[in-house]
Amino acid sequence: MESSQGIIAAFILGLFSTVHCLGMCGGIIGELSLSLPERVRMHRGRLLSFVTTYNIGRIISYSFAGMIVGYLGAKAAAYTDMSDGPSILRHTGVVMMIAIGLYLAGWLPQL
């Protein structure tokens, strides 16, 4: 039961993070596509190869970064008591959100 909840949560997180991908990656690939020579942009096969190569590189680099962070997290969890981990992360997130709010309001410009 617990693992199926994790899979469902991961699916929903991935589904909702699509908006982030469209906003970030969509603009980047749009700009990279427009910067290609016109002869490449007018030929769909060539353009598709550039876009595909970009996305494969992006997926591989994100996967590699995730693998490194997962490995380091697993090693840290093996040597420490992580029972307070969620609480520490939650409090750190709250402090960061407050600090960002103060920065955006102009009350903490040195952030």
PDB file of N, CA and C in Angstrom:
ATOM      1  N   MET A   1       0.819  -1.193   0.000  1.00  0.00           N
ATOM      2  CA  MET A   1       0.000   0.000   0.000  1.00  0.00           C
ATOM      3  C   MET A   1       0.863   1.258   0.000  1.00  0.00           C
ATOM      4  N   GLU A   2       1.907   1.249   0.814  1.00  0.00           N
ATOM      5  CA  GLU A   2       2.758   2.417   0.931  1.00  0.00           C
ATOM      6  C   GLU A   2       3.503   2.716  -0.365  1.00  0.00           C
ATOM      7  N   SER A   3       3.978   1.679  -1.061  1.00  0.00           N
ATOM      8  CA  SER A   3       4.719   1.919  -2.298  1.00  0.00           C
ATOM      9  C   SER A   3       3.787   2.409  -3.399  1.00  0.00           C
ATOM     10  N   SER A   4       2.530   1.972  -3.421  1.00  0.00           N
ATOM     11  CA  SER A   4       1.610   2.469  -4.441  1.00  0.00           C
ATOM     12  C   SER A   4       1.284   3.939  -4.196  1.00  0.00           C
ATOM     13  N   GLN A   5       1.240   4.370  -2.936  1.00  0.00           N
ATOM     14  CA  GLN A   5       1.029   5.784  -2.645  1.00  0.00           C
ATOM     15  C   GLN A   5       2.216   6.616  -3.116  1.00  0.00           C
ATOM     16  N   GLY A   6       3.408   6.065  -2.962  1.00  0.00           N
ATOM     17  CA  GLY A   6       4.600   6.764  -3.440  1.00  0.00           C
ATOM     18  C   GLY A   6       4.608   6.908  -4.943  1.00  0.00           C
ATOM     19  N   ILE A   7       4.183   5.874  -5.640  1.00  0.00           N
ATOM     20  CA  ILE A   7       4.127   5.936  -7.102  1.00  0.00           C
ATOM     21  C   ILE A   7       3.096   6.953  -7.547  1.00  0.00           C
ATOM     22  N   ILE A   8       1.952   6.962  -6.896  1.00  0.00           N
ATOM     23  CA  ILE A   8       0.903   7.927  -7.238  1.00  0.00           C
ATOM     24  C   ILE A   8       1.383   9.355  -6.965  1.00  0.00           C
ATOM     25  N   ALA A   9       2.040   9.561  -5.824  1.00  0.00           N
ATOM     26  CA  ALA A   9       2.563  10.886  -5.492  1.00  0.00           C
ATOM     27  C   ALA A   9       3.613  11.332  -6.509  1.00  0.00           C
ATOM     28  N   ALA A  10       4.490  10.426  -6.914  1.00  0.00           N
ATOM     29  CA  ALA A  10       5.506  10.762  -7.911  1.00  0.00           C
ATOM     30  C   ALA A  10       4.860  11.115  -9.244  1.00  0.00           C
ATOM     31  N   PHE A  11       3.818  10.379  -9.620  1.00  0.00           N
ATOM     32  CA  PHE A  11       3.114  10.663 -10.871  1.00  0.00           C
ATOM     33  C   PHE A  11       2.469  12.045 -10.832  1.00  0.00           C
ATOM     34  N   ILE A  12       1.789  12.360  -9.734  1.00  0.00           N
ATOM     35  CA  ILE A  12       1.125  13.659  -9.610  1.00  0.00           C
ATOM     36  C   ILE A  12       2.146  14.784  -9.598  1.00  0.00           C
ATOM     37  N   LEU A  13       3.251  14.600  -8.895  1.00  0.00           N
ATOM     38  CA  LEU A  13       4.310  15.609  -8.873  1.00  0.00           C
ATOM     39  C   LEU A  13       4.865  15.836 -10.276  1.00  0.00           C
ATOM     40  N   GLY A  14       5.097  14.758 -11.009  1.00  0.00           N
ATOM     41  CA  GLY A  14       5.572  14.890 -12.376  1.00  0.00           C
ATOM     42  C   GLY A  14       4.569  15.575 -13.274  1.00  0.00           C
ATOM     43  N   LEU A  15       3.307  15.266 -13.077  1.00  0.00           N
ATOM     44  CA  LEU A  15       2.249  15.873 -13.887  1.00  0.00           C
ATOM     45  C   LEU A  15       2.169  17.373 -13.649  1.00  0.00           C
ATOM     46  N   PHE A  16       2.203  17.779 -12.386  1.00  0.00           N
ATOM     47  CA  PHE A  16       2.112  19.205 -12.074  1.00  0.00           C
ATOM     48  C   PHE A  16       3.392  19.967 -12.390  1.00  0.00           C
ATOM     49  N   SER A  17       4.527  19.301 -12.406  1.00  0.00           N
ATOM     50  CA  SER A  17       5.767  20.005 -12.726  1.00  0.00           C
ATOM     51  C   SER A  17       5.917  20.233 -14.226  1.00  0.00           C
ATOM     52  N   THR A  18       4.980  19.730 -15.005  1.00  0.00           N
ATOM     53  CA  THR A  18       4.988  19.985 -16.448  1.00  0.00           C
ATOM     54  C   THR A  18       4.921  21.475 -16.741  1.00  0.00           C
ATOM     55  N   VAL A  19       4.193  22.220 -15.924  1.00  0.00           N
ATOM     56  CA  VAL A  19       4.087  23.666 -16.110  1.00  0.00           C
ATOM     57  C   VAL A  19       5.470  24.301 -16.000  1.00  0.00           C
ATOM     58  N   HIS A  20       6.262  23.851 -15.042  1.00  0.00           N
ATOM     59  CA  HIS A  20       7.626  24.357 -14.893  1.00  0.00           C
ATOM     60  C   HIS A  20       8.429  24.068 -16.154  1.00  0.00           C
ATOM     61  N   CYS A  21       8.311  22.848 -16.651  1.00  0.00           N
ATOM     62  CA  CYS A  21       9.078  22.456 -17.837  1.00  0.00           C
ATOM     63  C   CYS A  21       8.675  23.291 -19.048  1.00  0.00           C
ATOM     64  N   LEU A  22       7.373  23.503 -19.223  1.00  0.00           N
ATOM     65  CA  LEU A  22       6.922  24.316 -20.349  1.00  0.00           C
ATOM     66  C   LEU A  22       7.453  25.745 -20.246  1.00  0.00           C
ATOM     67  N   GLY A  23       7.442  26.279 -19.047  1.00  0.00           N
ATOM     68  CA  GLY A  23       7.903  27.643 -18.859  1.00  0.00           C
ATOM     69  C   GLY A  23       9.399  27.803 -19.010  1.00  0.00           C
ATOM     70  N   MET A  24      10.150  26.856 -18.477  1.00  0.00           N
ATOM     71  CA  MET A  24      11.600  26.971 -18.508  1.00  0.00           C
ATOM     72  C   MET A  24      12.189  26.379 -19.786  1.00  0.00           C
ATOM     73  N   CYS A  25      11.974  25.109 -19.988  1.00  0.00           N
ATOM     74  CA  CYS A  25      12.580  24.425 -21.131  1.00  0.00           C
ATOM     75  C   CYS A  25      11.977  24.881 -22.450  1.00  0.00           C
ATOM     76  N   GLY A  26      10.679  25.187 -22.427  1.00  0.00           N
ATOM     77  CA  GLY A  26      10.022  25.633 -23.657  1.00  0.00           C
ATOM     78  C   GLY A  26      10.629  26.911 -24.194  1.00  0.00           C
ATOM     79  N   GLY A  27      10.872  27.862 -23.300  1.00  0.00           N
ATOM     80  CA  GLY A  27      11.490  29.121 -23.733  1.00  0.00           C
ATOM     81  C   GLY A  27      12.918  28.932 -24.200  1.00  0.00           C
ATOM     82  N   ILE A  28      13.647  28.068 -23.519  1.00  0.00           N
ATOM     83  CA  ILE A  28      15.045  27.826 -23.898  1.00  0.00           C
ATOM     84  C   ILE A  28      15.120  27.156 -25.263  1.00  0.00           C
ATOM     85  N   ILE A  29      14.330  26.103 -25.465  1.00  0.00           N
ATOM     86  CA  ILE A  29      14.396  25.406 -26.753  1.00  0.00           C
ATOM     87  C   ILE A  29      13.834  26.285 -27.868  1.00  0.00           C
ATOM     88  N   GLY A  30      12.866  27.139 -27.539  1.00  0.00           N
ATOM     89  CA  GLY A  30      12.360  28.077 -28.539  1.00  0.00           C
ATOM     90  C   GLY A  30      13.439  29.045 -28.989  1.00  0.00           C
ATOM     91  N   GLU A  31      14.174  29.589 -28.034  1.00  0.00           N
ATOM     92  CA  GLU A  31      15.254  30.517 -28.367  1.00  0.00           C
ATOM     93  C   GLU A  31      16.379  29.818 -29.114  1.00  0.00           C
ATOM     94  N   LEU A  32      16.731  28.608 -28.667  1.00  0.00           N
ATOM     95  CA  LEU A  32      17.786  27.873 -29.375  1.00  0.00           C
ATOM     96  C   LEU A  32      17.353  27.524 -30.793  1.00  0.00           C
ATOM     97  N   SER A  33      16.092  27.186 -30.969  1.00  0.00           N
ATOM     98  CA  SER A  33      15.593  26.853 -32.305  1.00  0.00           C
ATOM     99  C   SER A  33      15.601  28.071 -33.218  1.00  0.00           C
ATOM    100  N   LEU A  34      15.216  29.226 -32.669  1.00  0.00           N
ATOM    101  CA  LEU A  34      15.197  30.441 -33.480  1.00  0.00           C
ATOM    102  C   LEU A  34      16.601  30.937 -33.811  1.00  0.00           C
ATOM    103  N   SER A  35      17.598  30.539 -33.020  1.00  0.00           N
ATOM    104  CA  SER A  35      18.961  30.979 -33.291  1.00  0.00           C
ATOM    105  C   SER A  35      19.656  30.114 -34.345  1.00  0.00           C
ATOM    106  N   LEU A  36      19.020  29.010 -34.743  1.00  0.00           N
ATOM    107  CA  LEU A  36      19.598  28.165 -35.788  1.00  0.00           C
ATOM    108  C   LEU A  36      19.487  28.866 -37.139  1.00  0.00           C
ATOM    109  N   PRO A  37      20.384  28.543 -38.068  1.00  0.00           N
ATOM    110  CA  PRO A  37      20.271  29.132 -39.402  1.00  0.00           C
ATOM    111  C   PRO A  37      18.925  28.786 -40.048  1.00  0.00           C
ATOM    112  N   GLU A  38      18.456  29.654 -40.908  1.00  0.00           N
ATOM    113  CA  GLU A  38      17.141  29.475 -41.526  1.00  0.00           C
ATOM    114  C   GLU A  38      17.052  28.178 -42.321  1.00  0.00           C
ATOM    115  N   ARG A  39      18.147  27.763 -42.945  1.00  0.00           N
ATOM    116  CA  ARG A  39      18.119  26.520 -43.717  1.00  0.00           C
ATOM    117  C   ARG A  39      17.853  25.313 -42.828  1.00  0.00           C
ATOM    118  N   VAL A  40      18.275  25.377 -41.557  1.00  0.00           N
ATOM    119  CA  VAL A  40      18.009  24.288 -40.620  1.00  0.00           C
ATOM    120  C   VAL A  40      16.569  24.371 -40.122  1.00  0.00           C
ATOM    121  N   ARG A  41      16.103  25.590 -39.823  1.00  0.00           N
ATOM    122  CA  ARG A  41      14.745  25.753 -39.300  1.00  0.00           C
ATOM    123  C   ARG A  41      13.683  25.375 -40.318  1.00  0.00           C
ATOM    124  N   MET A  42      13.965  25.556 -41.580  1.00  0.00           N
ATOM    125  CA  MET A  42      12.967  25.257 -42.613  1.00  0.00           C
ATOM    126  C   MET A  42      12.901  23.770 -42.949  1.00  0.00           C
ATOM    127  N   HIS A  43      13.901  23.021 -42.576  1.00  0.00           N
ATOM    128  CA  HIS A  43      13.928  21.581 -42.840  1.00  0.00           C
ATOM    129  C   HIS A  43      13.541  20.853 -41.560  1.00  0.00           C
ATOM    130  N   ARG A  44      12.336  20.280 -41.531  1.00  0.00           N
ATOM    131  CA  ARG A  44      11.805  19.678 -40.295  1.00  0.00           C
ATOM    132  C   ARG A  44      12.698  18.566 -39.740  1.00  0.00           C
ATOM    133  N   GLY A  45      13.276  17.768 -40.581  1.00  0.00           N
ATOM    134  CA  GLY A  45      14.126  16.673 -40.119  1.00  0.00           C
ATOM    135  C   GLY A  45      15.353  17.179 -39.385  1.00  0.00           C
ATOM    136  N   ARG A  46      15.993  18.197 -39.940  1.00  0.00           N
ATOM    137  CA  ARG A  46      17.164  18.776 -39.274  1.00  0.00           C
ATOM    138  C   ARG A  46      16.778  19.439 -37.955  1.00  0.00           C
ATOM    139  N   LEU A  47      15.681  20.192 -37.965  1.00  0.00           N
ATOM    140  CA  LEU A  47      15.233  20.861 -36.750  1.00  0.00           C
ATOM    141  C   LEU A  47      14.885  19.834 -35.674  1.00  0.00           C
ATOM    142  N   LEU A  48      14.230  18.753 -36.091  1.00  0.00           N
ATOM    143  CA  LEU A  48      13.877  17.704 -35.145  1.00  0.00           C
ATOM    144  C   LEU A  48      15.119  17.075 -34.528  1.00  0.00           C
ATOM    145  N   SER A  49      16.172  16.923 -35.310  1.00  0.00           N
ATOM    146  CA  SER A  49      17.399  16.337 -34.758  1.00  0.00           C
ATOM    147  C   SER A  49      18.027  17.254 -33.714  1.00  0.00           C
ATOM    148  N   PHE A  50      17.986  18.568 -33.931  1.00  0.00           N
ATOM    149  CA  PHE A  50      18.518  19.503 -32.945  1.00  0.00           C
ATOM    150  C   PHE A  50      17.688  19.481 -31.663  1.00  0.00           C
ATOM    151  N   VAL A  51      16.372  19.519 -31.803  1.00  0.00           N
ATOM    152  CA  VAL A  51      15.485  19.529 -30.643  1.00  0.00           C
ATOM    153  C   VAL A  51      15.602  18.218 -29.867  1.00  0.00           C
ATOM    154  N   THR A  52      15.671  17.106 -30.585  1.00  0.00           N
ATOM    155  CA  THR A  52      15.798  15.801 -29.933  1.00  0.00           C
ATOM    156  C   THR A  52      17.115  15.692 -29.177  1.00  0.00           C
ATOM    157  N   THR A  53      18.187  16.141 -29.804  1.00  0.00           N
ATOM    158  CA  THR A  53      19.502  16.103 -29.154  1.00  0.00           C
ATOM    159  C   THR A  53      19.512  16.951 -27.889  1.00  0.00           C
ATOM    160  N   TYR A  54      18.903  18.132 -27.965  1.00  0.00           N
ATOM    161  CA  TYR A  54      18.822  18.990 -26.782  1.00  0.00           C
ATOM    162  C   TYR A  54      18.082  18.280 -25.652  1.00  0.00           C
ATOM    163  N   ASN A  55      16.934  17.706 -25.959  1.00  0.00           N
ATOM    164  CA  ASN A  55      16.119  17.065 -24.918  1.00  0.00           C
ATOM    165  C   ASN A  55      16.790  15.814 -24.356  1.00  0.00           C
ATOM    166  N   ILE A  56      17.467  15.052 -25.177  1.00  0.00           N
ATOM    167  CA  ILE A  56      18.199  13.881 -24.675  1.00  0.00           C
ATOM    168  C   ILE A  56      19.305  14.328 -23.722  1.00  0.00           C
ATOM    169  N   GLY A  57      20.031  15.369 -24.091  1.00  0.00           N
ATOM    170  CA  GLY A  57      21.080  15.903 -23.215  1.00  0.00           C
ATOM    171  C   GLY A  57      20.522  16.432 -21.914  1.00  0.00           C
ATOM    172  N   ARG A  58      19.384  17.091 -21.982  1.00  0.00           N
ATOM    173  CA  ARG A  58      18.732  17.618 -20.780  1.00  0.00           C
ATOM    174  C   ARG A  58      18.310  16.484 -19.850  1.00  0.00           C
ATOM    175  N   ILE A  59      17.699  15.460 -20.394  1.00  0.00           N
ATOM    176  CA  ILE A  59      17.235  14.334 -19.586  1.00  0.00           C
ATOM    177  C   ILE A  59      18.408  13.593 -18.961  1.00  0.00           C
ATOM    178  N   ILE A  60      19.468  13.390 -19.736  1.00  0.00           N
ATOM    179  CA  ILE A  60      20.641  12.691 -19.205  1.00  0.00           C
ATOM    180  C   ILE A  60      21.303  13.514 -18.102  1.00  0.00           C
ATOM    181  N   SER A  61      21.427  14.834 -18.301  1.00  0.00           N
ATOM    182  CA  SER A  61      22.082  15.653 -17.274  1.00  0.00           C
ATOM    183  C   SER A  61      21.238  15.722 -16.008  1.00  0.00           C
ATOM    184  N   TYR A  62      19.909  15.833 -16.131  1.00  0.00           N
ATOM    185  CA  TYR A  62      19.046  15.814 -14.941  1.00  0.00           C
ATOM    186  C   TYR A  62      19.124  14.465 -14.241  1.00  0.00           C
ATOM    187  N   SER A  63      19.166  13.396 -14.989  1.00  0.00           N
ATOM    188  CA  SER A  63      19.249  12.065 -14.395  1.00  0.00           C
ATOM    189  C   SER A  63      20.574  11.888 -13.665  1.00  0.00           C
ATOM    190  N   PHE A  64      21.638  12.352 -14.262  1.00  0.00           N
ATOM    191  CA  PHE A  64      22.955  12.245 -13.643  1.00  0.00           C
ATOM    192  C   PHE A  64      23.015  13.077 -12.364  1.00  0.00           C
ATOM    193  N   ALA A  65      22.484  14.304 -12.407  1.00  0.00           N
ATOM    194  CA  ALA A  65      22.465  15.145 -11.213  1.00  0.00           C
ATOM    195  C   ALA A  65      21.620  14.498 -10.118  1.00  0.00           C
ATOM    196  N   GLY A  66      20.483  13.923 -10.482  1.00  0.00           N
ATOM    197  CA  GLY A  66      19.646  13.230  -9.514  1.00  0.00           C
ATOM    198  C   GLY A  66      20.329  12.020  -8.915  1.00  0.00           C
ATOM    199  N   MET A  67      21.087  11.311  -9.747  1.00  0.00           N
ATOM    200  CA  MET A  67      21.819  10.144  -9.271  1.00  0.00           C
ATOM    201  C   MET A  67      22.873  10.562  -8.235  1.00  0.00           C
ATOM    202  N   ILE A  68      23.574  11.640  -8.503  1.00  0.00           N
ATOM    203  CA  ILE A  68      24.600  12.119  -7.573  1.00  0.00           C
ATOM    204  C   ILE A  68      23.973  12.554  -6.250  1.00  0.00           C
ATOM    205  N   VAL A  69      22.899  13.331  -6.328  1.00  0.00           N
ATOM    206  CA  VAL A  69      22.243  13.805  -5.104  1.00  0.00           C
ATOM    207  C   VAL A  69      21.634  12.632  -4.336  1.00  0.00           C
ATOM    208  N   GLY A  70      21.043  11.677  -5.036  1.00  0.00           N
ATOM    209  CA  GLY A  70      20.491  10.495  -4.376  1.00  0.00           C
ATOM    210  C   GLY A  70      21.556   9.672  -3.686  1.00  0.00           C
ATOM    211  N   TYR A  71      22.681   9.510  -4.346  1.00  0.00           N
ATOM    212  CA  TYR A  71      23.792   8.761  -3.757  1.00  0.00           C
ATOM    213  C   TYR A  71      24.309   9.453  -2.500  1.00  0.00           C
ATOM    214  N   LEU A  72      24.522  10.774  -2.595  1.00  0.00           N
ATOM    215  CA  LEU A  72      25.014  11.513  -1.431  1.00  0.00           C
ATOM    216  C   LEU A  72      23.998  11.490  -0.290  1.00  0.00           C
ATOM    217  N   GLY A  73      22.708  11.596  -0.636  1.00  0.00           N
ATOM    218  CA  GLY A  73      21.666  11.528   0.384  1.00  0.00           C
ATOM    219  C   GLY A  73      21.604  10.173   1.053  1.00  0.00           C
ATOM    220  N   ALA A  74      21.769   9.106   0.271  1.00  0.00           N
ATOM    221  CA  ALA A  74      21.762   7.760   0.846  1.00  0.00           C
ATOM    222  C   ALA A  74      22.958   7.560   1.766  1.00  0.00           C
ATOM    223  N   LYS A  75      24.115   8.057   1.367  1.00  0.00           N
ATOM    224  CA  LYS A  75      25.299   7.940   2.224  1.00  0.00           C
ATOM    225  C   LYS A  75      25.124   8.741   3.515  1.00  0.00           C
ATOM    226  N   ALA A  76      24.566   9.949   3.410  1.00  0.00           N
ATOM    227  CA  ALA A  76      24.344  10.769   4.603  1.00  0.00           C
ATOM    228  C   ALA A  76      23.325  10.112   5.520  1.00  0.00           C
ATOM    229  N   ALA A  77      22.292   9.513   4.951  1.00  0.00           N
ATOM    230  CA  ALA A  77      21.269   8.848   5.761  1.00  0.00           C
ATOM    231  C   ALA A  77      21.828   7.616   6.460  1.00  0.00           C
ATOM    232  N   ALA A  78      22.800   6.966   5.850  1.00  0.00           N
ATOM    233  CA  ALA A  78      23.383   5.775   6.457  1.00  0.00           C
ATOM    234  C   ALA A  78      24.223   6.113   7.688  1.00  0.00           C
ATOM    235  N   TYR A  79      24.782   7.318   7.731  1.00  0.00           N
ATOM    236  CA  TYR A  79      25.663   7.685   8.831  1.00  0.00           C
ATOM    237  C   TYR A  79      25.005   8.574   9.879  1.00  0.00           C
ATOM    238  N   THR A  80      23.784   9.024   9.624  1.00  0.00           N
ATOM    239  CA  THR A  80      23.133   9.919  10.574  1.00  0.00           C
ATOM    240  C   THR A  80      21.727   9.437  10.888  1.00  0.00           C
ATOM    241  N   ASP A  81      21.185   9.961  11.951  1.00  0.00           N
ATOM    242  CA  ASP A  81      19.800   9.689  12.303  1.00  0.00           C
ATOM    243  C   ASP A  81      18.944  10.711  11.566  1.00  0.00           C
ATOM    244  N   MET A  82      18.174  10.257  10.577  1.00  0.00           N
ATOM    245  CA  MET A  82      17.395  11.157   9.735  1.00  0.00           C
ATOM    246  C   MET A  82      15.954  11.301  10.204  1.00  0.00           C
ATOM    247  N   SER A  83      15.665  10.945  11.447  1.00  0.00           N
ATOM    248  CA  SER A  83      14.283  11.028  11.923  1.00  0.00           C
ATOM    249  C   SER A  83      13.784  12.467  11.991  1.00  0.00           C
ATOM    250  N   ASP A  84      14.690  13.428  12.178  1.00  0.00           N
ATOM    251  CA  ASP A  84      14.294  14.835  12.203  1.00  0.00           C
ATOM    252  C   ASP A  84      14.447  15.506  10.851  1.00  0.00           C
ATOM    253  N   GLY A  85      14.797  14.760   9.835  1.00  0.00           N
ATOM    254  CA  GLY A  85      15.031  15.321   8.509  1.00  0.00           C
ATOM    255  C   GLY A  85      13.864  16.110   7.937  1.00  0.00           C
ATOM    256  N   PRO A  86      12.659  15.548   7.900  1.00  0.00           N
ATOM    257  CA  PRO A  86      11.524  16.316   7.352  1.00  0.00           C
ATOM    258  C   PRO A  86      11.249  17.599   8.119  1.00  0.00           C
ATOM    259  N   SER A  87      11.386  17.564   9.425  1.00  0.00           N
ATOM    260  CA  SER A  87      11.155  18.758  10.234  1.00  0.00           C
ATOM    261  C   SER A  87      12.203  19.832   9.928  1.00  0.00           C
ATOM    262  N   ILE A  88      13.452  19.416   9.801  1.00  0.00           N
ATOM    263  CA  ILE A  88      14.528  20.365   9.483  1.00  0.00           C
ATOM    264  C   ILE A  88      14.295  20.988   8.115  1.00  0.00           C
ATOM    265  N   LEU A  89      13.932  20.167   7.132  1.00  0.00           N
ATOM    266  CA  LEU A  89      13.678  20.691   5.791  1.00  0.00           C
ATOM    267  C   LEU A  89      12.482  21.639   5.780  1.00  0.00           C
ATOM    268  N   ARG A  90      11.434  21.299   6.512  1.00  0.00           N
ATOM    269  CA  ARG A  90      10.248  22.146   6.567  1.00  0.00           C
ATOM    270  C   ARG A  90      10.593  23.504   7.170  1.00  0.00           C
ATOM    271  N   HIS A  91      11.338  23.511   8.265  1.00  0.00           N
ATOM    272  CA  HIS A  91      11.703  24.773   8.906  1.00  0.00           C
ATOM    273  C   HIS A  91      12.653  25.593   8.017  1.00  0.00           C
ATOM    274  N   THR A  92      13.564  24.925   7.351  1.00  0.00           N
ATOM    275  CA  THR A  92      14.470  25.624   6.429  1.00  0.00           C
ATOM    276  C   THR A  92      13.674  26.260   5.293  1.00  0.00           C
ATOM    277  N   GLY A  93      12.699  25.542   4.781  1.00  0.00           N
ATOM    278  CA  GLY A  93      11.847  26.080   3.719  1.00  0.00           C
ATOM    279  C   GLY A  93      11.057  27.291   4.168  1.00  0.00           C
ATOM    280  N   VAL A  94      10.538  27.243   5.398  1.00  0.00           N
ATOM    281  CA  VAL A  94       9.780  28.374   5.936  1.00  0.00           C
ATOM    282  C   VAL A  94      10.675  29.600   6.067  1.00  0.00           C
ATOM    283  N   VAL A  95      11.871  29.413   6.599  1.00  0.00           N
ATOM    284  CA  VAL A  95      12.803  30.531   6.753  1.00  0.00           C
ATOM    285  C   VAL A  95      13.165  31.113   5.383  1.00  0.00           C
ATOM    286  N   MET A  96      13.388  30.258   4.397  1.00  0.00           N
ATOM    287  CA  MET A  96      13.733  30.745   3.051  1.00  0.00           C
ATOM    288  C   MET A  96      12.570  31.510   2.422  1.00  0.00           C
ATOM    289  N   MET A  97      11.346  31.017   2.589  1.00  0.00           N
ATOM    290  CA  MET A  97      10.180  31.712   2.025  1.00  0.00           C
ATOM    291  C   MET A  97       9.997  33.083   2.672  1.00  0.00           C
ATOM    292  N   ILE A  98      10.205  33.168   3.975  1.00  0.00           N
ATOM    293  CA  ILE A  98      10.112  34.459   4.662  1.00  0.00           C
ATOM    294  C   ILE A  98      11.206  35.395   4.165  1.00  0.00           C
ATOM    295  N   ALA A  99      12.426  34.879   4.042  1.00  0.00           N
ATOM    296  CA  ALA A  99      13.545  35.706   3.570  1.00  0.00           C
ATOM    297  C   ALA A  99      13.304  36.202   2.150  1.00  0.00           C
ATOM    298  N   ILE A 100      12.787  35.350   1.281  1.00  0.00           N
ATOM    299  CA  ILE A 100      12.501  35.758  -0.097  1.00  0.00           C
ATOM    300  C   ILE A 100      11.397  36.813  -0.112  1.00  0.00           C
ATOM    301  N   GLY A 101      10.376  36.625   0.726  1.00  0.00           N
ATOM    302  CA  GLY A 101       9.315  37.623   0.820  1.00  0.00           C
ATOM    303  C   GLY A 101       9.847  38.967   1.278  1.00  0.00           C
ATOM    304  N   LEU A 102      10.720  38.965   2.293  1.00  0.00           N
ATOM    305  CA  LEU A 102      11.323  40.212   2.757  1.00  0.00           C
ATOM    306  C   LEU A 102      12.190  40.850   1.680  1.00  0.00           C
ATOM    307  N   TYR A 103      12.885  40.029   0.906  1.00  0.00           N
ATOM    308  CA  TYR A 103      13.714  40.539  -0.189  1.00  0.00           C
ATOM    309  C   TYR A 103      12.841  41.197  -1.257  1.00  0.00           C
ATOM    310  N   LEU A 104      11.762  40.501  -1.653  1.00  0.00           N
ATOM    311  CA  LEU A 104      10.874  41.043  -2.688  1.00  0.00           C
ATOM    312  C   LEU A 104      10.158  42.304  -2.225  1.00  0.00           C
ATOM    313  N   ALA A 105       9.895  42.413  -0.924  1.00  0.00           N
ATOM    314  CA  ALA A 105       9.259  43.621  -0.378  1.00  0.00           C
ATOM    315  C   ALA A 105      10.251  44.769  -0.254  1.00  0.00           C
ATOM    316  N   GLY A 106      11.527  44.488  -0.425  1.00  0.00           N
ATOM    317  CA  GLY A 106      12.558  45.530  -0.316  1.00  0.00           C
ATOM    318  C   GLY A 106      13.067  45.740   1.093  1.00  0.00           C
ATOM    319  N   TRP A 107      12.646  44.887   2.031  1.00  0.00           N
ATOM    320  CA  TRP A 107      13.062  45.046   3.420  1.00  0.00           C
ATOM    321  C   TRP A 107      14.351  44.293   3.726  1.00  0.00           C
ATOM    322  N   LEU A 108      14.814  43.446   2.818  1.00  0.00           N
ATOM    323  CA  LEU A 108      16.040  42.687   3.034  1.00  0.00           C
ATOM    324  C   LEU A 108      16.819  42.650   1.711  1.00  0.00           C
ATOM    325  N   PRO A 109      17.287  43.823   1.242  1.00  0.00           N
ATOM    326  CA  PRO A 109      17.921  43.889  -0.078  1.00  0.00           C
ATOM    327  C   PRO A 109      19.275  43.195  -0.151  1.00  0.00           C
ATOM    328  N   GLN A 110      19.904  42.933   0.973  1.00  0.00           N
ATOM    329  CA  GLN A 110      21.224  42.292   0.951  1.00  0.00           C
ATOM    330  C   GLN A 110      21.158  40.788   0.716  1.00  0.00           C
ATOM    331  N   LEU A 111      19.964  40.218   0.660  1.00  0.00           N
ATOM    332  CA  LEU A 111      19.839  38.760   0.478  1.00  0.00           C
ATOM    333  C   LEU A 111      20.406  38.357  -0.863  1.00  0.00           C
TER     334      LEU A 111
END
